[in-house]
Amino acid sequence: MPWWLDLVLLVTALVLWLSGSGNRDDVWGLLQRLLAVIAAAVVLLGGRQMVLEALVLALALWLPGADSQRLRSVGRSFSSADEGFGAGPR
């Protein structure tokens, strides 16, 4: 990608981020900040920088899956907690 296009995308990302942070509407501000992050990611990852791509891949592989033991809470499970709902007098 040419350097001037990188510069345009970075300036656009900065303007979008600042505009999104100062916006009173939460949804519109979040959309502007999301577009700013995407524009910055295009600049960072568009140059075929294998180090950044490898770090992002390593982070994605390191994150726990939905069935991971690290995500489970300590204590009673859902099945033992459900038993107490029907045990009371009617």
C-alpha atoms as a PDB file:
ATOM      1  CA  MET A   1       0.000   0.000   0.000  1.00  0.00           C
ATOM      2  CA  PRO A   2       1.397   3.461  -0.765  1.00  0.00           C
ATOM      3  CA  TRP A   3       2.527   5.627   2.144  1.00  0.00           C
ATOM      4  CA  TRP A   4       0.006   8.364   1.385  1.00  0.00           C
ATOM      5  CA  LEU A   5      -2.875   5.903   1.653  1.00  0.00           C
ATOM      6  CA  ASP A   6      -1.555   4.754   5.025  1.00  0.00           C
ATOM      7  CA  LEU A   7      -1.419   8.377   6.116  1.00  0.00           C
ATOM      8  CA  VAL A   8      -4.979   9.054   4.928  1.00  0.00           C
ATOM      9  CA  LEU A   9      -6.280   5.984   6.767  1.00  0.00           C
ATOM     10  CA  LEU A  10      -4.454   6.907   9.986  1.00  0.00           C
ATOM     11  CA  VAL A  11      -5.763  10.477   9.896  1.00  0.00           C
ATOM     12  CA  THR A  12      -9.256   9.151   9.193  1.00  0.00           C
ATOM     13  CA  ALA A  13      -8.935   6.712  12.096  1.00  0.00           C
ATOM     14  CA  LEU A  14      -7.836   9.516  14.421  1.00  0.00           C
ATOM     15  CA  VAL A  15     -10.695  11.794  13.356  1.00  0.00           C
ATOM     16  CA  LEU A  16     -13.241   8.981  13.718  1.00  0.00           C
ATOM     17  CA  TRP A  17     -11.909   8.014  17.157  1.00  0.00           C
ATOM     18  CA  LEU A  18     -12.019  11.592  18.447  1.00  0.00           C
ATOM     19  CA  SER A  19     -15.462  12.145  16.944  1.00  0.00           C
ATOM     20  CA  GLY A  20     -16.737   8.887  18.422  1.00  0.00           C
ATOM     21  CA  SER A  21     -15.376   9.689  21.867  1.00  0.00           C
ATOM     22  CA  GLY A  22     -17.051  13.085  21.914  1.00  0.00           C
ATOM     23  CA  ASN A  23     -20.371  11.936  20.487  1.00  0.00           C
ATOM     24  CA  ARG A  24     -23.353  12.033  22.849  1.00  0.00           C
ATOM     25  CA  ASP A  25     -25.089   9.105  21.142  1.00  0.00           C
ATOM     26  CA  ASP A  26     -23.544   5.884  22.488  1.00  0.00           C
ATOM     27  CA  VAL A  27     -24.394   3.691  19.499  1.00  0.00           C
ATOM     28  CA  TRP A  28     -23.138   6.152  16.901  1.00  0.00           C
ATOM     29  CA  GLY A  29     -19.972   6.804  18.950  1.00  0.00           C
ATOM     30  CA  LEU A  30     -19.297   3.074  19.213  1.00  0.00           C
ATOM     31  CA  LEU A  31     -19.713   2.681  15.453  1.00  0.00           C
ATOM     32  CA  GLN A  32     -17.277   5.527  14.794  1.00  0.00           C
ATOM     33  CA  ARG A  33     -14.694   4.054  17.176  1.00  0.00           C
ATOM     34  CA  LEU A  34     -15.155   0.618  15.608  1.00  0.00           C
ATOM     35  CA  LEU A  35     -14.530   2.088  12.143  1.00  0.00           C
ATOM     36  CA  ALA A  36     -11.433   3.840  13.527  1.00  0.00           C
ATOM     37  CA  VAL A  37     -10.070   0.545  14.858  1.00  0.00           C
ATOM     38  CA  ILE A  38     -10.745  -1.143  11.519  1.00  0.00           C
ATOM     39  CA  ALA A  39      -8.939   1.637   9.615  1.00  0.00           C
ATOM     40  CA  ALA A  40      -5.939   1.357  11.953  1.00  0.00           C
ATOM     41  CA  ALA A  41      -5.944  -2.439  11.600  1.00  0.00           C
ATOM     42  CA  VAL A  42      -5.898  -2.122   7.803  1.00  0.00           C
ATOM     43  CA  VAL A  43      -2.798   0.059   8.066  1.00  0.00           C
ATOM     44  CA  LEU A  44      -1.083  -2.281  10.522  1.00  0.00           C
ATOM     45  CA  LEU A  45      -1.971  -5.547   8.831  1.00  0.00           C
ATOM     46  CA  GLY A  46      -2.090  -4.333   5.232  1.00  0.00           C
ATOM     47  CA  GLY A  47       1.675  -4.194   4.914  1.00  0.00           C
ATOM     48  CA  ARG A  48       1.981  -7.951   5.280  1.00  0.00           C
ATOM     49  CA  GLN A  49       3.700  -7.666   8.622  1.00  0.00           C
ATOM     50  CA  MET A  50       4.038 -11.276   9.626  1.00  0.00           C
ATOM     51  CA  VAL A  51       5.117 -10.490  13.184  1.00  0.00           C
ATOM     52  CA  LEU A  52       1.855  -8.701  14.000  1.00  0.00           C
ATOM     53  CA  GLU A  53      -0.201 -11.366  12.288  1.00  0.00           C
ATOM     54  CA  ALA A  54       1.616 -14.098  14.213  1.00  0.00           C
ATOM     55  CA  LEU A  55       1.013 -12.275  17.514  1.00  0.00           C
ATOM     56  CA  VAL A  56      -2.702 -11.895  16.786  1.00  0.00           C
ATOM     57  CA  LEU A  57      -2.911 -15.570  15.822  1.00  0.00           C
ATOM     58  CA  ALA A  58      -1.100 -16.583  19.025  1.00  0.00           C
ATOM     59  CA  LEU A  59      -3.498 -14.453  21.071  1.00  0.00           C
ATOM     60  CA  ALA A  60      -6.501 -16.024  19.362  1.00  0.00           C
ATOM     61  CA  LEU A  61      -5.186 -19.524  20.036  1.00  0.00           C
ATOM     62  CA  TRP A  62      -4.389 -18.655  23.666  1.00  0.00           C
ATOM     63  CA  LEU A  63      -7.932 -17.444  24.450  1.00  0.00           C
ATOM     64  CA  PRO A  64     -10.059 -20.096  26.172  1.00  0.00           C
ATOM     65  CA  GLY A  65     -12.811 -21.897  24.331  1.00  0.00           C
ATOM     66  CA  ALA A  66     -16.433 -21.959  25.450  1.00  0.00           C
ATOM     67  CA  ASP A  67     -16.010 -25.329  27.151  1.00  0.00           C
ATOM     68  CA  SER A  68     -12.778 -24.407  28.937  1.00  0.00           C
ATOM     69  CA  GLN A  69     -12.281 -25.230  32.616  1.00  0.00           C
ATOM     70  CA  ARG A  70     -10.899 -21.709  33.200  1.00  0.00           C
ATOM     71  CA  LEU A  71     -14.314 -20.175  32.438  1.00  0.00           C
ATOM     72  CA  ARG A  72     -16.323 -22.303  34.854  1.00  0.00           C
ATOM     73  CA  SER A  73     -17.272 -20.773  38.166  1.00  0.00           C
ATOM     74  CA  VAL A  74     -16.291 -22.363  41.429  1.00  0.00           C
ATOM     75  CA  GLY A  75     -19.268 -23.628  43.393  1.00  0.00           C
ATOM     76  CA  ARG A  76     -22.425 -25.489  42.636  1.00  0.00           C
ATOM     77  CA  SER A  77     -23.276 -26.490  39.119  1.00  0.00           C
ATOM     78  CA  PHE A  78     -26.514 -25.557  37.404  1.00  0.00           C
ATOM     79  CA  SER A  79     -28.066 -28.978  37.996  1.00  0.00           C
ATOM     80  CA  SER A  80     -27.628 -28.832  41.793  1.00  0.00           C
ATOM     81  CA  ALA A  81     -28.872 -25.229  41.895  1.00  0.00           C
ATOM     82  CA  ASP A  82     -32.034 -26.170  39.968  1.00  0.00           C
ATOM     83  CA  GLU A  83     -32.985 -28.760  42.602  1.00  0.00           C
ATOM     84  CA  GLY A  84     -33.719 -26.066  45.165  1.00  0.00           C
ATOM     85  CA  PHE A  85     -36.422 -24.372  43.125  1.00  0.00           C
ATOM     86  CA  GLY A  86     -38.991 -27.137  43.394  1.00  0.00           C
ATOM     87  CA  ALA A  87     -38.176 -28.225  46.942  1.00  0.00           C
ATOM     88  CA  GLY A  88     -40.226 -25.606  48.828  1.00  0.00           C
ATOM     89  CA  PRO A  89     -43.828 -25.960  50.086  1.00  0.00           C
ATOM     90  CA  ARG A  90     -46.692 -24.972  47.829  1.00  0.00           C
END
